[in-house]
Amino acid sequence: QVQLVESGGGVVQPGGSLRLSCVASGISFAAYAMNWYRQGPGKQRELVASMNRYGNRNYGDSVKGRFTISRDNAANTVFLQMNNLKPEDTAVYYCHARLIASDPGYWGQGTQVTVSS
């Protein structure tokens, strides 16, 4: 049984930082591309950051220079370091694992991030 469990969300003031974690089980973690998506209130789900099995990273335009994705294959964990948070970063953040591009992949349950003063 595949499980992706996110943690690290919370309430933070603008300009603050949070670090999200996602622990995976039931998959050969090192072989998977790991992604972070988010869905804000009234918005479509969007890709925030991705990191493939080779360590190549991609980011959404709105988070470039502020967010960093990383992974620890030994711990089956992917991280999202979020700095200089803005109110528009408020969303539920989801961890996603995908083996190949045509694979629907697996989703975590999401963790809420709220940026507010």
C-alpha atoms as a PDB file:
ATOM      1  CA  GLN A   1       0.000   0.000   0.000  1.00  0.00           C
ATOM      2  CA  VAL A   2       1.389   3.345  -1.074  1.00  0.00           C
ATOM      3  CA  GLN A   3       1.294   6.224   1.391  1.00  0.00           C
ATOM      4  CA  LEU A   4       2.518   9.801   1.122  1.00  0.00           C
ATOM      5  CA  VAL A   5       2.276  11.711   4.395  1.00  0.00           C
ATOM      6  CA  GLU A   6       2.900  15.447   4.448  1.00  0.00           C
ATOM      7  CA  SER A   7       3.729  17.518   7.504  1.00  0.00           C
ATOM      8  CA  GLY A   8       5.054  20.950   8.375  1.00  0.00           C
ATOM      9  CA  GLY A   9       2.182  23.175   7.378  1.00  0.00           C
ATOM     10  CA  GLY A  10       0.840  25.914   9.593  1.00  0.00           C
ATOM     11  CA  VAL A  11       0.193  29.615   9.975  1.00  0.00           C
ATOM     12  CA  VAL A  12       3.039  32.034   9.292  1.00  0.00           C
ATOM     13  CA  GLN A  13       3.363  35.778   8.840  1.00  0.00           C
ATOM     14  CA  PRO A  14       4.323  37.298   5.487  1.00  0.00           C
ATOM     15  CA  GLY A  15       8.074  37.077   5.014  1.00  0.00           C
ATOM     16  CA  GLY A  16       8.301  33.983   7.181  1.00  0.00           C
ATOM     17  CA  SER A  17       9.461  30.477   6.368  1.00  0.00           C
ATOM     18  CA  LEU A  18       8.138  26.938   6.588  1.00  0.00           C
ATOM     19  CA  ARG A  19       9.583  23.569   5.692  1.00  0.00           C
ATOM     20  CA  LEU A  20       7.240  20.890   4.437  1.00  0.00           C
ATOM     21  CA  SER A  21       8.110  17.209   4.541  1.00  0.00           C
ATOM     22  CA  CYS A  22       6.584  14.234   2.775  1.00  0.00           C
ATOM     23  CA  VAL A  23       7.441  10.705   3.805  1.00  0.00           C
ATOM     24  CA  ALA A  24       6.686   7.991   1.268  1.00  0.00           C
ATOM     25  CA  SER A  25       6.126   4.293   1.844  1.00  0.00           C
ATOM     26  CA  GLY A  26       5.205   1.429  -0.432  1.00  0.00           C
ATOM     27  CA  ILE A  27       7.211   2.694  -3.429  1.00  0.00           C
ATOM     28  CA  SER A  28      10.802   2.484  -4.619  1.00  0.00           C
ATOM     29  CA  PHE A  29      11.279   6.103  -3.661  1.00  0.00           C
ATOM     30  CA  ALA A  30      14.581   6.758  -5.432  1.00  0.00           C
ATOM     31  CA  ALA A  31      13.047   5.817  -8.788  1.00  0.00           C
ATOM     32  CA  TYR A  32      10.207   8.322  -8.548  1.00  0.00           C
ATOM     33  CA  ALA A  33       9.948  11.940  -9.542  1.00  0.00           C
ATOM     34  CA  MET A  34       8.664  13.805  -6.512  1.00  0.00           C
ATOM     35  CA  ASN A  35       6.487  16.871  -6.841  1.00  0.00           C
ATOM     36  CA  TRP A  36       4.807  19.471  -4.698  1.00  0.00           C
ATOM     37  CA  TYR A  37       1.481  20.903  -5.860  1.00  0.00           C
ATOM     38  CA  ARG A  38      -0.777  23.415  -4.195  1.00  0.00           C
ATOM     39  CA  GLN A  39      -4.386  24.484  -4.411  1.00  0.00           C
ATOM     40  CA  GLY A  40      -5.418  27.850  -3.077  1.00  0.00           C
ATOM     41  CA  PRO A  41      -8.967  28.942  -2.273  1.00  0.00           C
ATOM     42  CA  GLY A  42     -10.975  29.107  -5.487  1.00  0.00           C
ATOM     43  CA  LYS A  43      -7.945  28.190  -7.585  1.00  0.00           C
ATOM     44  CA  GLN A  44      -6.885  25.209  -9.651  1.00  0.00           C
ATOM     45  CA  ARG A  45      -4.195  22.898  -8.400  1.00  0.00           C
ATOM     46  CA  GLU A  46      -0.791  24.017  -9.656  1.00  0.00           C
ATOM     47  CA  LEU A  47       2.677  22.542  -9.738  1.00  0.00           C
ATOM     48  CA  VAL A  48       4.992  24.273  -7.262  1.00  0.00           C
ATOM     49  CA  ALA A  49       8.191  22.272  -7.561  1.00  0.00           C
ATOM     50  CA  SER A  50       9.459  18.978  -8.893  1.00  0.00           C
ATOM     51  CA  MET A  51      12.595  16.918  -8.563  1.00  0.00           C
ATOM     52  CA  ASN A  52      13.271  13.885 -10.700  1.00  0.00           C
ATOM     53  CA  ARG A  53      15.297  10.802  -9.874  1.00  0.00           C
ATOM     54  CA  TYR A  54      18.423  12.424 -11.297  1.00  0.00           C
ATOM     55  CA  GLY A  55      18.192  15.448  -9.035  1.00  0.00           C
ATOM     56  CA  ASN A  56      16.942  17.884 -11.665  1.00  0.00           C
ATOM     57  CA  ARG A  57      14.635  20.530 -10.237  1.00  0.00           C
ATOM     58  CA  ASN A  58      11.896  22.678 -11.701  1.00  0.00           C
ATOM     59  CA  TYR A  59       9.817  25.406 -10.072  1.00  0.00           C
ATOM     60  CA  GLY A  60       6.676  27.319 -10.791  1.00  0.00           C
ATOM     61  CA  ASP A  61       7.330  30.910 -11.813  1.00  0.00           C
ATOM     62  CA  SER A  62       5.624  32.318  -8.726  1.00  0.00           C
ATOM     63  CA  VAL A  63       7.973  30.544  -6.308  1.00  0.00           C
ATOM     64  CA  LYS A  64      11.317  30.694  -8.104  1.00  0.00           C
ATOM     65  CA  GLY A  65      14.017  32.074  -5.846  1.00  0.00           C
ATOM     66  CA  ARG A  66      11.901  31.554  -2.704  1.00  0.00           C
ATOM     67  CA  PHE A  67      11.173  27.811  -2.554  1.00  0.00           C
ATOM     68  CA  THR A  68      13.627  24.915  -2.688  1.00  0.00           C
ATOM     69  CA  ILE A  69      12.778  21.260  -3.217  1.00  0.00           C
ATOM     70  CA  SER A  70      15.113  18.565  -1.954  1.00  0.00           C
ATOM     71  CA  ARG A  71      14.976  14.856  -1.254  1.00  0.00           C
ATOM     72  CA  ASP A  72      16.579  12.284   1.013  1.00  0.00           C
ATOM     73  CA  ASN A  73      16.334   8.943  -0.712  1.00  0.00           C
ATOM     74  CA  ALA A  74      17.643   7.081   2.324  1.00  0.00           C
ATOM     75  CA  ALA A  75      14.731   8.436   4.355  1.00  0.00           C
ATOM     76  CA  ASN A  76      12.127   8.233   1.564  1.00  0.00           C
ATOM     77  CA  THR A  77      11.422  11.896   2.150  1.00  0.00           C
ATOM     78  CA  VAL A  78      10.983  14.972  -0.008  1.00  0.00           C
ATOM     79  CA  PHE A  79      11.143  18.473   1.402  1.00  0.00           C
ATOM     80  CA  LEU A  80       9.928  21.894   0.374  1.00  0.00           C
ATOM     81  CA  GLN A  81      11.705  24.813   1.994  1.00  0.00           C
ATOM     82  CA  MET A  82       9.559  27.912   1.633  1.00  0.00           C
ATOM     83  CA  ASN A  83      11.089  31.296   2.356  1.00  0.00           C
ATOM     84  CA  ASN A  84       9.776  34.846   2.084  1.00  0.00           C
ATOM     85  CA  LEU A  85       6.222  33.572   2.151  1.00  0.00           C
ATOM     86  CA  LYS A  86       3.465  35.747   0.753  1.00  0.00           C
ATOM     87  CA  PRO A  87      -0.305  35.743   1.392  1.00  0.00           C
ATOM     88  CA  GLU A  88      -0.807  34.368  -2.111  1.00  0.00           C
ATOM     89  CA  ASP A  89       1.138  31.255  -1.084  1.00  0.00           C
ATOM     90  CA  THR A  90      -1.800  30.312   1.132  1.00  0.00           C
ATOM     91  CA  ALA A  91      -2.982  26.905  -0.067  1.00  0.00           C
ATOM     92  CA  VAL A  92      -3.193  23.230   0.658  1.00  0.00           C
ATOM     93  CA  TYR A  93       0.134  21.713  -0.377  1.00  0.00           C
ATOM     94  CA  TYR A  94       0.168  18.202  -1.770  1.00  0.00           C
ATOM     95  CA  CYS A  95       2.998  15.761  -2.234  1.00  0.00           C
ATOM     96  CA  HIS A  96       2.919  13.703  -5.440  1.00  0.00           C
ATOM     97  CA  ALA A  97       5.021  10.801  -6.647  1.00  0.00           C
ATOM     98  CA  ARG A  98       5.219   9.687 -10.252  1.00  0.00           C
ATOM     99  CA  LEU A  99       7.323   6.995 -11.892  1.00  0.00           C
ATOM    100  CA  ILE A 100       6.904   8.014 -15.533  1.00  0.00           C
ATOM    101  CA  ALA A 101       5.176  10.909 -17.264  1.00  0.00           C
ATOM    102  CA  SER A 102       2.104   8.907 -18.269  1.00  0.00           C
ATOM    103  CA  ASP A 103       1.630   7.568 -14.756  1.00  0.00           C
ATOM    104  CA  PRO A 104      -1.109   9.254 -12.700  1.00  0.00           C
ATOM    105  CA  GLY A 105       1.046   8.719  -9.661  1.00  0.00           C
ATOM    106  CA  TYR A 106       0.201   8.900  -5.991  1.00  0.00           C
ATOM    107  CA  TRP A 107      -1.006  11.782  -3.828  1.00  0.00           C
ATOM    108  CA  GLY A 108      -0.698  12.692  -0.210  1.00  0.00           C
ATOM    109  CA  GLN A 109      -3.575  14.040   1.837  1.00  0.00           C
ATOM    110  CA  GLY A 110      -2.277  17.604   1.842  1.00  0.00           C
ATOM    111  CA  THR A 111      -1.101  20.055   4.464  1.00  0.00           C
ATOM    112  CA  GLN A 112      -2.496  23.552   4.956  1.00  0.00           C
ATOM    113  CA  VAL A 113      -0.214  26.565   4.696  1.00  0.00           C
ATOM    114  CA  THR A 114      -1.678  29.914   5.677  1.00  0.00           C
ATOM    115  CA  VAL A 115       0.273  33.145   5.276  1.00  0.00           C
ATOM    116  CA  SER A 116      -1.385  35.953   7.155  1.00  0.00           C
ATOM    117  CA  SER A 117      -0.549  38.842   9.412  1.00  0.00           C
END
